[in-house]
């Protein structure tokens, strides 16, 4: 189930960081609605959620706190979740993402 959520995030949220850091409010709203709708599925009740914020090497970019606020992650209480900021280009925090995924796969 973890990979289902990761697939959703890859498909739905990649737009947030794919245009040089420019974030469209419509994309955020749509992503927030889709995420919360998906999490209403009882089969995903305790599935861990990973939000990866890429392109932190570019300005402007959303901070982890802004992502938490914009996606209403504070309201997600049944699923353990984490937001991790990375730069794939500069290999920043890639190991942290992999470590989190490995840790979750062992549970």
N, C-alpha and C. Protein backbone atom coordinates (compact mmCIF):
# COMPACT_ATOMS: atom_id res chain seq x y z
N UNK A 1 0.81 -1.20 0.00
CA UNK A 1 0.00 0.00 0.00
C UNK A 1 0.86 1.27 0.00
N UNK A 2 2.03 1.18 0.61
CA UNK A 2 2.92 2.33 0.61
C UNK A 2 3.19 2.79 -0.81
N UNK A 3 3.40 1.85 -1.69
CA UNK A 3 3.75 2.21 -3.06
C UNK A 3 2.56 2.80 -3.81
N UNK A 4 1.34 2.45 -3.40
CA UNK A 4 0.15 3.08 -3.98
C UNK A 4 0.15 4.56 -3.67
N UNK A 5 0.42 4.91 -2.42
CA UNK A 5 0.47 6.32 -2.06
C UNK A 5 1.63 7.02 -2.75
N UNK A 6 2.76 6.36 -2.83
CA UNK A 6 3.90 6.98 -3.51
C UNK A 6 3.58 7.21 -4.98
N UNK A 7 2.88 6.26 -5.59
CA UNK A 7 2.49 6.43 -6.99
C UNK A 7 1.55 7.61 -7.15
N UNK A 8 0.60 7.73 -6.23
CA UNK A 8 -0.32 8.87 -6.27
C UNK A 8 0.48 10.17 -6.18
N UNK A 9 1.39 10.23 -5.23
CA UNK A 9 2.15 11.46 -5.06
C UNK A 9 3.00 11.76 -6.27
N UNK A 10 3.59 10.73 -6.85
CA UNK A 10 4.39 10.95 -8.05
C UNK A 10 3.54 11.51 -9.18
N UNK A 11 2.36 10.92 -9.37
CA UNK A 11 1.52 11.35 -10.47
C UNK A 11 0.85 12.69 -10.22
N UNK A 12 0.44 12.95 -8.98
CA UNK A 12 -0.37 14.12 -8.70
C UNK A 12 0.42 15.33 -8.23
N UNK A 13 1.50 15.09 -7.51
CA UNK A 13 2.18 16.22 -6.88
C UNK A 13 3.47 16.63 -7.57
N UNK A 14 3.91 15.87 -8.55
CA UNK A 14 5.17 16.23 -9.19
C UNK A 14 5.10 17.60 -9.84
N UNK A 15 3.93 18.02 -10.22
CA UNK A 15 3.77 19.33 -10.83
C UNK A 15 4.15 20.46 -9.89
N UNK A 16 4.03 20.23 -8.60
CA UNK A 16 4.34 21.28 -7.64
C UNK A 16 5.79 21.76 -7.76
N UNK A 17 6.67 20.86 -8.14
CA UNK A 17 8.08 21.22 -8.16
C UNK A 17 8.72 21.09 -9.54
N UNK A 18 7.91 20.89 -10.55
CA UNK A 18 8.51 20.60 -11.85
C UNK A 18 8.68 21.82 -12.74
N UNK A 19 8.27 22.98 -12.29
CA UNK A 19 8.38 24.17 -13.13
C UNK A 19 9.30 25.20 -12.49
N UNK A 20 10.48 24.77 -12.11
CA UNK A 20 11.48 25.69 -11.59
C UNK A 20 11.06 26.33 -10.28
N UNK A 21 10.29 25.63 -9.47
CA UNK A 21 9.90 26.14 -8.18
C UNK A 21 8.61 26.94 -8.19
N UNK A 22 8.06 27.24 -9.34
CA UNK A 22 6.81 28.01 -9.41
C UNK A 22 5.66 27.05 -9.11
N UNK A 23 4.87 27.39 -8.08
CA UNK A 23 3.79 26.52 -7.64
C UNK A 23 2.45 27.19 -7.93
N UNK A 24 1.62 26.50 -8.65
CA UNK A 24 0.29 26.99 -8.97
C UNK A 24 -0.66 26.68 -7.82
N UNK A 25 -1.41 27.68 -7.33
CA UNK A 25 -2.40 27.41 -6.28
C UNK A 25 -3.44 26.36 -6.70
N UNK A 26 -3.77 26.32 -7.98
CA UNK A 26 -4.74 25.32 -8.46
C UNK A 26 -4.18 23.91 -8.32
N UNK A 27 -2.89 23.75 -8.58
CA UNK A 27 -2.27 22.43 -8.47
C UNK A 27 -2.24 21.99 -7.01
N UNK A 28 -1.94 22.90 -6.11
CA UNK A 28 -1.92 22.58 -4.69
C UNK A 28 -3.31 22.18 -4.23
N UNK A 29 -4.32 22.97 -4.59
CA UNK A 29 -5.70 22.65 -4.20
C UNK A 29 -6.13 21.29 -4.72
N UNK A 30 -5.85 21.04 -5.98
CA UNK A 30 -6.21 19.76 -6.59
C UNK A 30 -5.48 18.60 -5.91
N UNK A 31 -4.21 18.77 -5.64
CA UNK A 31 -3.42 17.73 -5.00
C UNK A 31 -3.92 17.45 -3.58
N UNK A 32 -4.24 18.52 -2.85
CA UNK A 32 -4.76 18.35 -1.49
C UNK A 32 -6.07 17.56 -1.51
N UNK A 33 -6.98 17.92 -2.41
CA UNK A 33 -8.27 17.22 -2.49
C UNK A 33 -8.07 15.75 -2.86
N UNK A 34 -7.22 15.49 -3.85
CA UNK A 34 -6.98 14.11 -4.27
C UNK A 34 -6.35 13.28 -3.15
N UNK A 35 -5.39 13.86 -2.47
CA UNK A 35 -4.72 13.15 -1.39
C UNK A 35 -5.71 12.78 -0.29
N UNK A 36 -6.50 13.72 0.16
CA UNK A 36 -7.44 13.46 1.24
C UNK A 36 -8.55 12.51 0.80
N UNK A 37 -8.94 12.59 -0.45
CA UNK A 37 -9.94 11.65 -0.98
C UNK A 37 -9.38 10.24 -0.98
N UNK A 38 -8.15 10.11 -1.42
CA UNK A 38 -7.49 8.81 -1.45
C UNK A 38 -7.38 8.22 -0.04
N UNK A 39 -7.07 9.05 0.93
CA UNK A 39 -6.87 8.57 2.29
C UNK A 39 -8.18 8.21 2.99
N UNK A 40 -9.29 8.50 2.39
CA UNK A 40 -10.58 8.07 2.94
C UNK A 40 -10.82 6.58 2.72
N UNK A 41 -10.06 5.98 1.85
CA UNK A 41 -10.18 4.55 1.57
C UNK A 41 -9.71 3.76 2.80
N UNK A 42 -10.59 2.93 3.34
CA UNK A 42 -10.27 2.15 4.56
C UNK A 42 -9.07 1.23 4.36
N UNK A 43 -8.84 0.77 3.14
CA UNK A 43 -7.70 -0.11 2.87
C UNK A 43 -6.37 0.61 3.07
N UNK A 44 -6.41 1.92 3.06
CA UNK A 44 -5.18 2.70 3.24
C UNK A 44 -5.10 3.33 4.62
N UNK A 45 -5.89 2.83 5.55
CA UNK A 45 -6.07 3.46 6.86
C UNK A 45 -4.78 3.78 7.60
N UNK A 46 -3.82 2.90 7.57
CA UNK A 46 -2.58 3.15 8.32
C UNK A 46 -1.35 3.15 7.42
N UNK A 47 -1.56 3.29 6.14
CA UNK A 47 -0.45 3.27 5.18
C UNK A 47 0.42 4.51 5.35
N UNK A 48 1.72 4.33 5.49
CA UNK A 48 2.63 5.49 5.61
C UNK A 48 2.60 6.36 4.36
N UNK A 49 2.78 7.64 4.57
CA UNK A 49 2.71 8.62 3.49
C UNK A 49 4.01 9.40 3.43
N UNK A 50 4.64 9.39 2.29
CA UNK A 50 5.88 10.13 2.06
C UNK A 50 5.62 11.21 1.02
N UNK A 51 5.89 12.45 1.40
CA UNK A 51 5.81 13.56 0.45
C UNK A 51 7.24 14.05 0.23
N UNK A 52 7.69 13.95 -1.01
CA UNK A 52 9.06 14.36 -1.35
C UNK A 52 8.99 15.68 -2.12
N UNK A 53 9.61 16.69 -1.56
CA UNK A 53 9.65 18.02 -2.18
C UNK A 53 10.99 18.19 -2.87
N UNK A 54 10.98 18.02 -4.18
CA UNK A 54 12.21 18.11 -4.96
C UNK A 54 12.48 19.56 -5.35
N UNK A 55 13.68 19.78 -5.85
CA UNK A 55 14.14 21.06 -6.39
C UNK A 55 14.31 22.14 -5.33
N UNK A 56 14.75 21.73 -4.14
CA UNK A 56 15.00 22.74 -3.11
C UNK A 56 16.21 23.60 -3.43
N UNK A 57 16.95 23.21 -4.46
CA UNK A 57 18.10 23.99 -4.89
C UNK A 57 17.67 25.21 -5.71
N UNK A 58 16.39 25.30 -6.06
CA UNK A 58 15.88 26.42 -6.84
C UNK A 58 15.01 27.33 -5.98
N UNK A 59 15.02 28.60 -6.28
CA UNK A 59 14.15 29.56 -5.58
C UNK A 59 13.18 30.15 -6.57
N UNK A 60 11.95 30.37 -6.17
CA UNK A 60 11.41 30.02 -4.85
C UNK A 60 11.01 28.56 -4.81
N UNK A 61 10.97 28.02 -3.60
CA UNK A 61 10.46 26.66 -3.40
C UNK A 61 9.71 26.65 -2.07
N UNK A 62 8.80 25.69 -1.95
CA UNK A 62 8.03 25.57 -0.72
C UNK A 62 8.88 24.93 0.37
N UNK A 63 8.74 25.44 1.58
CA UNK A 63 9.39 24.81 2.71
C UNK A 63 8.55 23.61 3.16
N UNK A 64 9.14 22.77 3.98
CA UNK A 64 8.38 21.63 4.50
C UNK A 64 7.15 22.12 5.27
N UNK A 65 7.29 23.19 6.04
CA UNK A 65 6.17 23.73 6.80
C UNK A 65 5.06 24.22 5.88
N UNK A 66 5.42 24.86 4.78
CA UNK A 66 4.41 25.32 3.82
C UNK A 66 3.69 24.14 3.17
N UNK A 67 4.42 23.09 2.86
CA UNK A 67 3.80 21.90 2.25
C UNK A 67 2.83 21.26 3.23
N UNK A 68 3.25 21.15 4.49
CA UNK A 68 2.36 20.59 5.52
C UNK A 68 1.08 21.41 5.61
N UNK A 69 1.22 22.71 5.64
CA UNK A 69 0.05 23.60 5.74
C UNK A 69 -0.82 23.53 4.48
N UNK A 70 -0.21 23.60 3.30
CA UNK A 70 -0.97 23.65 2.05
C UNK A 70 -1.70 22.34 1.76
N UNK A 71 -1.11 21.22 2.16
CA UNK A 71 -1.74 19.92 1.91
C UNK A 71 -2.57 19.44 3.10
N UNK A 72 -2.67 20.27 4.14
CA UNK A 72 -3.42 19.92 5.36
C UNK A 72 -2.96 18.60 5.95
N UNK A 73 -1.67 18.40 5.98
CA UNK A 73 -1.15 17.13 6.49
C UNK A 73 -1.38 17.00 7.99
N UNK A 74 -1.50 18.10 8.71
CA UNK A 74 -1.75 18.04 10.15
C UNK A 74 -3.06 17.34 10.47
N UNK A 75 -3.96 17.28 9.51
CA UNK A 75 -5.26 16.64 9.73
C UNK A 75 -5.21 15.14 9.47
N UNK A 76 -4.10 14.66 9.00
CA UNK A 76 -3.94 13.22 8.75
C UNK A 76 -3.40 12.60 10.03
N UNK A 77 -4.24 11.84 10.73
CA UNK A 77 -3.83 11.29 12.02
C UNK A 77 -3.71 9.77 11.99
N UNK A 78 -4.35 9.11 11.05
CA UNK A 78 -4.30 7.65 10.99
C UNK A 78 -3.07 7.13 10.26
N UNK A 79 -2.58 7.90 9.35
CA UNK A 79 -1.42 7.49 8.55
C UNK A 79 -0.17 8.21 9.05
N UNK A 80 0.89 7.46 9.34
CA UNK A 80 2.14 8.16 9.64
C UNK A 80 2.62 8.85 8.36
N UNK A 81 3.06 10.09 8.48
CA UNK A 81 3.48 10.83 7.29
C UNK A 81 4.75 11.62 7.58
N UNK A 82 5.45 11.93 6.51
CA UNK A 82 6.65 12.74 6.61
C UNK A 82 6.80 13.52 5.31
N UNK A 83 7.34 14.73 5.43
CA UNK A 83 7.69 15.54 4.28
C UNK A 83 9.21 15.65 4.28
N UNK A 84 9.80 15.33 3.14
CA UNK A 84 11.26 15.40 3.02
C UNK A 84 11.62 16.27 1.83
N UNK A 85 12.43 17.27 2.08
CA UNK A 85 12.91 18.14 1.02
C UNK A 85 14.19 17.57 0.44
N UNK A 86 14.25 17.56 -0.89
CA UNK A 86 15.43 17.01 -1.56
C UNK A 86 15.83 17.87 -2.74
N UNK A 87 17.01 17.62 -3.21
CA UNK A 87 17.45 18.09 -4.52
C UNK A 87 18.03 16.87 -5.22
N UNK A 88 17.28 16.35 -6.18
CA UNK A 88 17.78 15.20 -6.93
C UNK A 88 19.02 15.59 -7.72
N UNK A 89 19.03 16.81 -8.25
CA UNK A 89 20.16 17.28 -9.04
C UNK A 89 21.45 17.31 -8.23
N UNK A 90 21.36 17.80 -6.99
CA UNK A 90 22.55 17.94 -6.14
C UNK A 90 22.68 16.83 -5.11
N UNK A 91 21.83 15.81 -5.22
CA UNK A 91 21.87 14.64 -4.32
C UNK A 91 21.74 15.03 -2.84
N UNK A 92 20.87 15.99 -2.56
CA UNK A 92 20.63 16.42 -1.19
C UNK A 92 19.46 15.62 -0.61
N UNK A 93 19.70 14.93 0.48
CA UNK A 93 18.72 14.20 1.28
C UNK A 93 18.12 12.99 0.56
N UNK A 94 18.74 12.53 -0.49
CA UNK A 94 18.28 11.31 -1.18
C UNK A 94 18.43 10.11 -0.25
N UNK A 95 19.53 10.05 0.48
CA UNK A 95 19.74 8.94 1.41
C UNK A 95 18.68 8.92 2.49
N UNK A 96 18.24 10.09 2.94
CA UNK A 96 17.19 10.16 3.96
C UNK A 96 15.89 9.57 3.46
N UNK A 97 15.56 9.83 2.20
CA UNK A 97 14.34 9.26 1.60
C UNK A 97 14.46 7.74 1.52
N UNK A 98 15.59 7.26 1.05
CA UNK A 98 15.80 5.81 0.95
C UNK A 98 15.75 5.14 2.32
N UNK A 99 16.36 5.76 3.31
CA UNK A 99 16.33 5.20 4.66
C UNK A 99 14.90 5.12 5.19
N UNK A 100 14.11 6.16 4.94
CA UNK A 100 12.70 6.15 5.40
C UNK A 100 11.93 5.03 4.71
N UNK A 101 12.12 4.88 3.41
CA UNK A 101 11.43 3.82 2.67
C UNK A 101 11.83 2.43 3.18
N UNK A 102 13.09 2.24 3.42
CA UNK A 102 13.56 0.94 3.93
C UNK A 102 12.96 0.69 5.31
N UNK A 103 12.98 1.68 6.17
CA UNK A 103 12.42 1.55 7.51
C UNK A 103 10.93 1.18 7.44
N UNK A 104 10.18 1.84 6.56
CA UNK A 104 8.75 1.57 6.44
C UNK A 104 8.49 0.18 5.87
N UNK A 105 9.36 -0.29 4.99
CA UNK A 105 9.15 -1.61 4.37
C UNK A 105 9.37 -2.74 5.37
N UNK A 106 10.08 -2.46 6.45
CA UNK A 106 10.38 -3.48 7.46
C UNK A 106 9.31 -3.57 8.53
N UNK A 107 8.37 -2.68 8.52
CA UNK A 107 7.31 -2.68 9.55
C UNK A 107 6.23 -3.66 9.21
